[in-house]
Amino acid sequence: MDQRQAIFQDSQKIISKLQLLAAFFQEEIIYKIYLRSQVIHQLFEQNPELDANNLELFHLQYTASLIDLLKKIKKNNEQNVSLLFDEIQLNNELESQLASSFYQEKNYGQGKQKQTLKINISLRCLYQLLSDNSDEYPFSKNINSFSARFSAEFYSEISAELLQDLIRFDAAKVYANAHAAIEKKLLGLLCKYDFKTAFFCGLKAGNTVLEVYKFAETERYFLFYPLRNLFLFCDYEKIININLTNQVSQKENMISELKAKNDQLQSNIGVAKAYLPQEIKTLLAENYRKLSDISFMQNISNIDAQANILKAMLNTDMI
């Protein structure tokens, strides 16, 4: 293979690299430069009287510098895209955690209904046992399993001082048997409302828990202290400032926001992958204009300052 043929083969390899970059960036001006480079290559290949060394010089001054510039931009873009993928992954992990927690909260909601039923049945039974002066066990099966399962995540934290204040009572004002104690007036009110109550919230001070219940259709509350199987009125004013926010809707919103954020990031990836700064587009347009200039071919062996603009771009902070 003679030197001229080797120059043409190297030229074709360089142009093929430019073609791949044009396909990657999907930018019209790069396709135009690629096509113009092919025309110049064919011009030298089809006209033996032209010095092939000038084709080599052309690629050295223009095509190689352009390829280096586009490769640098491509690498920077891929690093930015990698960051976007990392953010999507983190969002997916957080979404999974929230979904798992959200599922647990749904279980909590169902558990509250079951616990309310257990408490109402137990209170009705306790009333009957106290009326009969019986020491039988009044509580439904696994009455404390609800707090054991959900208190760590869903009960609101209170101080030990508030806990003691809430469970303080006058022994003379309660009914009691071997298994439970209840305020007399509370039992009377329960009878009045036919033992229809609903779980309101859970409170905890360290490992000690309380369950607060609300009478149906009235703003009256009472608490269940599982450690002593004790039922007392609960003064709502004492717990009104406790954060009892329902976090289910908050987590639903967060999951929706994360999904929307990831959709936007996925859209951004397509843009970021092939992003070209406007300054680069302007430079490439000028580069193409020069390649399309008829006088360019006549002066291709002259090395001028403008031919090195692309090289200079590689050393700037523009990309």
Protein backbone atom coordinates (compact mmCIF):
# COMPACT_ATOMS: atom_id res chain seq x y z
CA MET A 1 0.00 0.00 0.00
CA ASP A 2 1.44 3.34 -1.07
CA GLN A 3 1.40 6.43 1.14
CA ARG A 4 -1.46 8.03 -0.78
CA GLN A 5 -3.72 5.01 -0.25
CA ALA A 6 -2.81 4.93 3.46
CA ILE A 7 -3.82 8.59 3.77
CA PHE A 8 -7.21 7.81 2.22
CA GLN A 9 -7.78 4.88 4.58
CA ASP A 10 -6.89 6.98 7.62
CA SER A 11 -9.14 9.73 6.29
CA GLN A 12 -12.07 7.33 6.02
CA LYS A 13 -11.53 6.14 9.60
CA ILE A 14 -11.56 9.72 10.85
CA ILE A 15 -14.71 10.52 8.90
CA SER A 16 -16.39 7.38 10.31
CA LYS A 17 -15.66 8.61 13.83
CA LEU A 18 -17.25 11.93 12.94
CA GLN A 19 -20.29 10.09 11.56
CA LEU A 20 -20.76 8.25 14.86
CA LEU A 21 -20.58 11.51 16.79
CA ALA A 22 -23.06 13.12 14.42
CA ALA A 23 -25.46 10.24 15.08
CA PHE A 24 -24.91 10.60 18.84
CA PHE A 25 -25.58 14.33 19.02
CA GLN A 26 -28.33 14.38 16.37
CA GLU A 27 -27.29 17.95 15.55
CA GLU A 28 -27.81 19.19 12.00
CA ILE A 29 -24.64 21.28 11.85
CA ILE A 30 -22.49 18.25 12.76
CA TYR A 31 -24.14 16.20 9.99
CA LYS A 32 -23.37 19.03 7.56
CA ILE A 33 -19.72 19.10 8.61
CA TYR A 34 -19.57 15.30 8.30
CA LEU A 35 -21.03 15.42 4.76
CA ARG A 36 -18.72 18.26 3.77
CA SER A 37 -15.74 16.27 5.09
CA GLN A 38 -16.82 13.33 2.92
CA VAL A 39 -17.00 15.63 -0.12
CA ILE A 40 -13.46 16.88 0.56
CA HIS A 41 -12.24 13.32 0.98
CA GLN A 42 -13.80 12.25 -2.32
CA LEU A 43 -12.37 15.32 -4.03
CA PHE A 44 -8.84 14.24 -3.17
CA GLU A 45 -9.54 10.57 -3.88
CA GLN A 46 -11.00 11.24 -7.32
CA ASN A 47 -8.36 13.79 -8.38
CA PRO A 48 -4.89 12.21 -8.38
CA GLU A 49 -3.30 15.55 -9.25
CA LEU A 50 -4.22 16.88 -5.79
CA ASP A 51 -1.67 16.44 -3.05
CA ALA A 52 -3.09 13.86 -0.59
CA ASN A 53 -0.92 15.32 2.13
CA ASN A 54 -3.25 18.32 2.15
CA LEU A 55 -6.15 15.96 2.97
CA GLU A 56 -4.13 14.69 5.91
CA LEU A 57 -3.42 18.30 6.91
CA PHE A 58 -7.13 19.14 6.60
CA HIS A 59 -8.09 16.37 9.05
CA LEU A 60 -5.28 17.34 11.40
CA GLN A 61 -6.36 20.97 11.52
CA TYR A 62 -10.15 20.55 11.41
CA THR A 63 -11.65 17.06 11.68
CA ALA A 64 -9.38 15.67 14.41
CA SER A 65 -9.81 18.80 16.52
CA LEU A 66 -13.57 18.67 16.03
CA ILE A 67 -13.68 15.00 17.02
CA ASP A 68 -11.63 15.71 20.16
CA LEU A 69 -13.95 18.58 21.06
CA LEU A 70 -17.11 16.51 20.55
CA LYS A 71 -15.65 13.60 22.50
CA LYS A 72 -14.90 15.90 25.42
CA ILE A 73 -18.47 17.25 25.34
CA LYS A 74 -19.83 13.71 25.05
CA LYS A 75 -17.80 12.61 28.09
CA ASN A 76 -18.99 15.60 30.13
CA ASN A 77 -22.57 14.93 29.10
CA GLU A 78 -22.29 11.25 30.06
CA GLN A 79 -20.98 12.25 33.48
CA ASN A 80 -23.97 14.57 33.92
CA VAL A 81 -26.31 11.81 32.76
CA SER A 82 -24.70 9.46 35.27
CA LEU A 83 -25.57 11.91 38.03
CA LEU A 84 -29.17 11.98 36.80
CA PHE A 85 -29.31 8.18 36.85
CA ASP A 86 -27.89 8.20 40.38
CA GLU A 87 -30.60 10.64 41.45
CA ILE A 88 -33.28 8.46 39.85
CA GLN A 89 -31.91 5.42 41.71
CA LEU A 90 -31.97 7.27 45.02
CA ASN A 91 -35.51 8.45 44.34
CA ASN A 92 -36.55 4.88 43.53
CA GLU A 93 -35.06 3.62 46.78
CA LEU A 94 -36.81 6.34 48.77
CA GLU A 95 -40.06 5.63 46.95
CA SER A 96 -39.75 1.93 47.87
CA GLN A 97 -39.15 2.83 51.51
CA LEU A 98 -42.14 5.17 51.53
CA ALA A 99 -44.33 2.60 49.78
CA SER A 100 -43.36 0.00 52.38
CA SER A 101 -44.06 2.47 55.17
CA PHE A 102 -47.31 3.49 53.47
CA TYR A 103 -48.35 -0.17 53.34
CA GLN A 104 -47.55 -0.41 57.06
CA GLU A 105 -49.70 2.66 57.69
CA LYS A 106 -52.60 1.01 55.89
CA ASN A 107 -52.16 -1.95 58.20
CA TYR A 108 -52.16 0.51 61.09
CA GLY A 109 -55.45 1.97 59.89
CA GLN A 110 -57.00 -1.50 59.70
CA GLY A 111 -55.47 -2.37 63.07
CA LYS A 112 -57.10 0.65 64.71
CA GLN A 113 -60.52 -0.58 63.67
CA LYS A 114 -59.87 -4.03 65.07
CA GLN A 115 -58.41 -2.61 68.30
CA THR A 116 -61.44 -0.34 68.73
CA LEU A 117 -63.72 -3.35 68.43
CA LYS A 118 -61.64 -5.28 71.00
CA ILE A 119 -61.71 -2.37 73.46
CA ASN A 120 -65.46 -1.81 73.11
CA ILE A 121 -66.19 -5.51 73.61
CA SER A 122 -63.78 -5.64 76.57
CA LEU A 123 -65.38 -2.58 78.22
CA ARG A 124 -68.86 -4.01 77.78
CA CYS A 125 -67.63 -7.27 79.32
CA LEU A 126 -65.93 -5.39 82.16
CA TYR A 127 -69.18 -3.54 82.89
CA GLN A 128 -71.06 -6.83 83.12
CA LEU A 129 -68.41 -8.46 85.33
CA LEU A 130 -68.33 -5.47 87.68
CA SER A 131 -72.13 -5.56 87.86
CA ASP A 132 -71.97 -9.24 88.73
CA ASN A 133 -69.09 -8.68 91.17
CA SER A 134 -67.05 -11.22 89.19
CA ASP A 135 -63.27 -11.46 88.94
CA GLU A 136 -63.25 -13.07 85.51
CA TYR A 137 -60.84 -11.74 82.88
CA PRO A 138 -62.70 -9.12 80.80
CA PHE A 139 -60.35 -8.46 77.90
CA SER A 140 -60.46 -9.74 74.35
CA LYS A 141 -57.67 -11.98 73.13
CA ASN A 142 -54.34 -10.25 72.37
CA ILE A 143 -55.59 -6.88 73.60
CA ASN A 144 -52.02 -5.56 73.86
CA SER A 145 -50.73 -6.82 70.49
CA PHE A 146 -51.83 -3.65 68.70
CA SER A 147 -49.58 -1.37 70.77
CA ALA A 148 -46.74 -3.87 70.65
CA ARG A 149 -46.88 -3.87 66.85
CA PHE A 150 -47.47 -0.21 66.03
CA SER A 151 -46.37 1.97 68.96
CA ALA A 152 -42.73 2.31 67.89
CA GLU A 153 -43.59 3.94 64.55
CA PHE A 154 -47.04 5.45 64.97
CA TYR A 155 -47.49 6.55 68.59
CA SER A 156 -46.68 10.16 69.44
CA GLU A 157 -43.90 10.79 71.96
CA ILE A 158 -44.81 12.51 75.23
CA SER A 159 -42.82 13.34 78.35
CA ALA A 160 -42.70 11.08 81.39
CA GLU A 161 -44.21 13.96 83.38
CA LEU A 162 -47.23 14.16 81.06
CA LEU A 163 -47.63 10.41 81.19
CA GLN A 164 -47.78 10.47 84.99
CA ASP A 165 -50.23 13.35 84.87
CA LEU A 166 -52.53 11.49 82.47
CA ILE A 167 -52.64 8.25 84.51
CA ARG A 168 -53.03 9.93 87.91
CA PHE A 169 -56.38 9.05 89.55
CA ASP A 170 -58.28 8.92 92.80
CA ALA A 171 -58.67 5.30 93.90
CA ALA A 172 -62.01 6.15 95.51
CA LYS A 173 -63.40 7.15 92.11
CA VAL A 174 -62.75 3.89 90.25
CA TYR A 175 -64.35 0.49 89.96
CA ALA A 176 -61.88 -2.40 90.00
CA ASN A 177 -61.68 -6.15 89.93
CA ALA A 178 -58.67 -8.46 89.87
CA HIS A 179 -57.89 -7.62 86.24
CA ALA A 180 -58.90 -4.03 85.48
CA ALA A 181 -59.85 -0.64 86.88
CA ILE A 182 -62.07 2.06 85.37
CA GLU A 183 -63.28 5.47 86.47
CA LYS A 184 -66.87 5.26 87.71
CA LYS A 185 -68.08 8.26 85.71
CA LEU A 186 -66.31 6.92 82.63
CA LEU A 187 -68.15 3.61 82.90
CA GLY A 188 -71.42 5.51 83.27
CA LEU A 189 -70.71 7.52 80.13
CA LEU A 190 -69.77 4.37 78.23
CA CYS A 191 -73.14 2.88 79.14
CA LYS A 192 -74.86 6.05 77.97
CA TYR A 193 -73.19 5.86 74.57
CA ASP A 194 -73.63 2.09 74.36
CA PHE A 195 -69.85 1.51 74.39
CA LYS A 196 -69.45 3.13 70.97
CA THR A 197 -65.97 4.63 70.82
CA ALA A 198 -63.15 4.91 68.28
CA PHE A 199 -59.37 4.77 68.57
CA PHE A 200 -58.07 8.35 68.49
CA CYS A 201 -54.30 8.13 68.91
CA GLY A 202 -51.45 6.34 70.62
CA LEU A 203 -49.01 7.99 73.04
CA LYS A 204 -45.70 6.76 74.38
CA ALA A 205 -43.10 7.80 76.91
CA GLY A 206 -40.11 5.55 76.36
CA ASN A 207 -41.46 1.99 76.35
CA THR A 208 -44.66 2.91 78.19
CA VAL A 209 -47.72 3.36 76.01
CA LEU A 210 -51.23 4.76 76.25
CA GLU A 211 -54.15 4.42 73.87
CA VAL A 212 -56.59 7.32 73.61
CA TYR A 213 -60.20 6.73 72.51
CA LYS A 214 -62.97 9.15 71.55
CA PHE A 215 -66.67 8.80 72.21
CA ALA A 216 -68.80 8.75 69.09
CA GLU A 217 -70.49 12.06 68.29
CA THR A 218 -68.96 13.94 71.21
CA GLU A 219 -65.66 15.59 72.09
CA ARG A 220 -65.00 13.37 75.12
CA TYR A 221 -61.92 11.19 75.39
CA PHE A 222 -60.60 8.44 77.60
CA LEU A 223 -57.36 6.49 77.77
CA PHE A 224 -56.39 2.88 78.16
CA TYR A 225 -53.19 2.21 80.10
CA PRO A 226 -52.24 -1.37 79.09
CA LEU A 227 -49.55 -1.77 81.75
CA ARG A 228 -52.17 -1.60 84.50
CA ASN A 229 -55.32 -2.33 82.47
CA LEU A 230 -56.58 1.07 83.56
CA PHE A 231 -59.30 3.21 81.92
CA LEU A 232 -59.47 6.93 82.76
CA PHE A 233 -60.95 10.09 81.31
CA CYS A 234 -58.44 11.98 79.19
CA ASP A 235 -58.36 15.78 79.27
CA TYR A 236 -57.94 16.70 75.59
CA GLU A 237 -56.41 20.05 76.53
CA LYS A 238 -53.40 18.16 77.88
CA ILE A 239 -52.64 16.50 74.54
CA ILE A 240 -53.93 19.14 72.13
CA ASN A 241 -50.41 20.37 71.27
CA ILE A 242 -49.05 16.91 70.52
CA ASN A 243 -48.34 16.31 66.83
CA LEU A 244 -51.03 13.85 65.78
CA THR A 245 -50.72 14.52 62.03
CA ASN A 246 -51.88 11.72 59.80
CA GLN A 247 -48.80 10.90 57.75
CA VAL A 248 -50.55 8.63 55.25
CA SER A 249 -51.57 11.47 52.90
CA GLN A 250 -48.14 13.08 53.29
CA LYS A 251 -46.40 9.91 52.16
CA GLU A 252 -48.84 9.45 49.29
CA ASN A 253 -47.96 12.97 48.12
CA MET A 254 -44.24 12.30 48.51
CA ILE A 255 -44.51 9.10 46.45
CA SER A 256 -46.39 10.99 43.72
CA GLU A 257 -43.81 13.77 43.79
CA LEU A 258 -40.93 11.27 43.49
CA LYS A 259 -42.60 9.58 40.52
CA ALA A 260 -43.10 12.96 38.82
CA LYS A 261 -39.51 13.94 39.61
CA ASN A 262 -38.16 10.73 38.06
CA ASP A 263 -40.31 11.22 34.96
CA GLN A 264 -38.79 14.68 34.59
CA LEU A 265 -35.27 13.32 35.17
CA GLN A 266 -35.82 10.65 32.51
CA SER A 267 -36.86 13.38 30.11
CA ASN A 268 -33.82 15.45 31.07
CA ILE A 269 -31.51 12.51 30.37
CA GLY A 270 -32.40 12.53 26.69
CA VAL A 271 -31.63 16.23 26.49
CA ALA A 272 -28.49 16.16 28.65
CA LYS A 273 -26.99 13.20 26.80
CA ALA A 274 -26.66 15.10 23.52
CA TYR A 275 -26.47 18.65 24.89
CA LEU A 276 -24.36 21.16 22.99
CA PRO A 277 -23.76 24.64 24.45
CA GLN A 278 -24.92 27.44 22.19
CA GLU A 279 -21.35 28.76 21.99
CA ILE A 280 -20.26 25.43 20.54
CA LYS A 281 -23.10 25.45 17.99
CA THR A 282 -22.06 28.94 16.90
CA LEU A 283 -18.46 27.78 16.55
CA LEU A 284 -19.49 24.72 14.54
CA ALA A 285 -21.57 26.90 12.22
CA GLU A 286 -18.53 29.07 11.60
CA ASN A 287 -16.45 25.95 11.06
CA TYR A 288 -18.94 24.67 8.47
CA ARG A 289 -19.04 28.06 6.73
CA LYS A 290 -15.27 27.95 6.34
CA LEU A 291 -15.33 24.36 5.03
CA SER A 292 -17.95 25.38 2.46
CA ASP A 293 -15.89 28.32 1.22
CA ILE A 294 -14.47 27.65 -2.26
CA SER A 295 -11.31 29.57 -1.44
CA PHE A 296 -10.75 27.22 1.47
CA MET A 297 -9.70 24.41 -0.85
CA GLN A 298 -7.29 26.72 -2.61
CA ASN A 299 -5.61 27.64 0.66
CA ILE A 300 -5.91 24.35 2.53
CA SER A 301 -2.16 24.14 3.01
CA ASN A 302 -2.11 27.47 4.83
CA ILE A 303 -2.35 27.21 8.58
CA ASP A 304 -4.20 30.20 9.95
CA ALA A 305 -5.43 31.14 13.42
CA GLN A 306 -9.07 30.40 12.71
CA ALA A 307 -8.25 26.79 11.87
CA ASN A 308 -7.14 26.29 15.46
CA ILE A 309 -10.24 27.67 17.16
CA LEU A 310 -11.57 24.15 17.82
CA LYS A 311 -8.32 23.18 19.50
CA ALA A 312 -8.52 26.24 21.69
CA MET A 313 -12.00 25.28 22.75
CA LEU A 314 -10.66 22.09 24.31
CA ASN A 315 -8.79 24.17 26.88
CA THR A 316 -11.65 26.42 27.90
CA ASP A 317 -14.32 26.17 30.62
CA MET A 318 -17.08 26.48 28.05
CA ILE A 319 -17.74 22.72 28.22
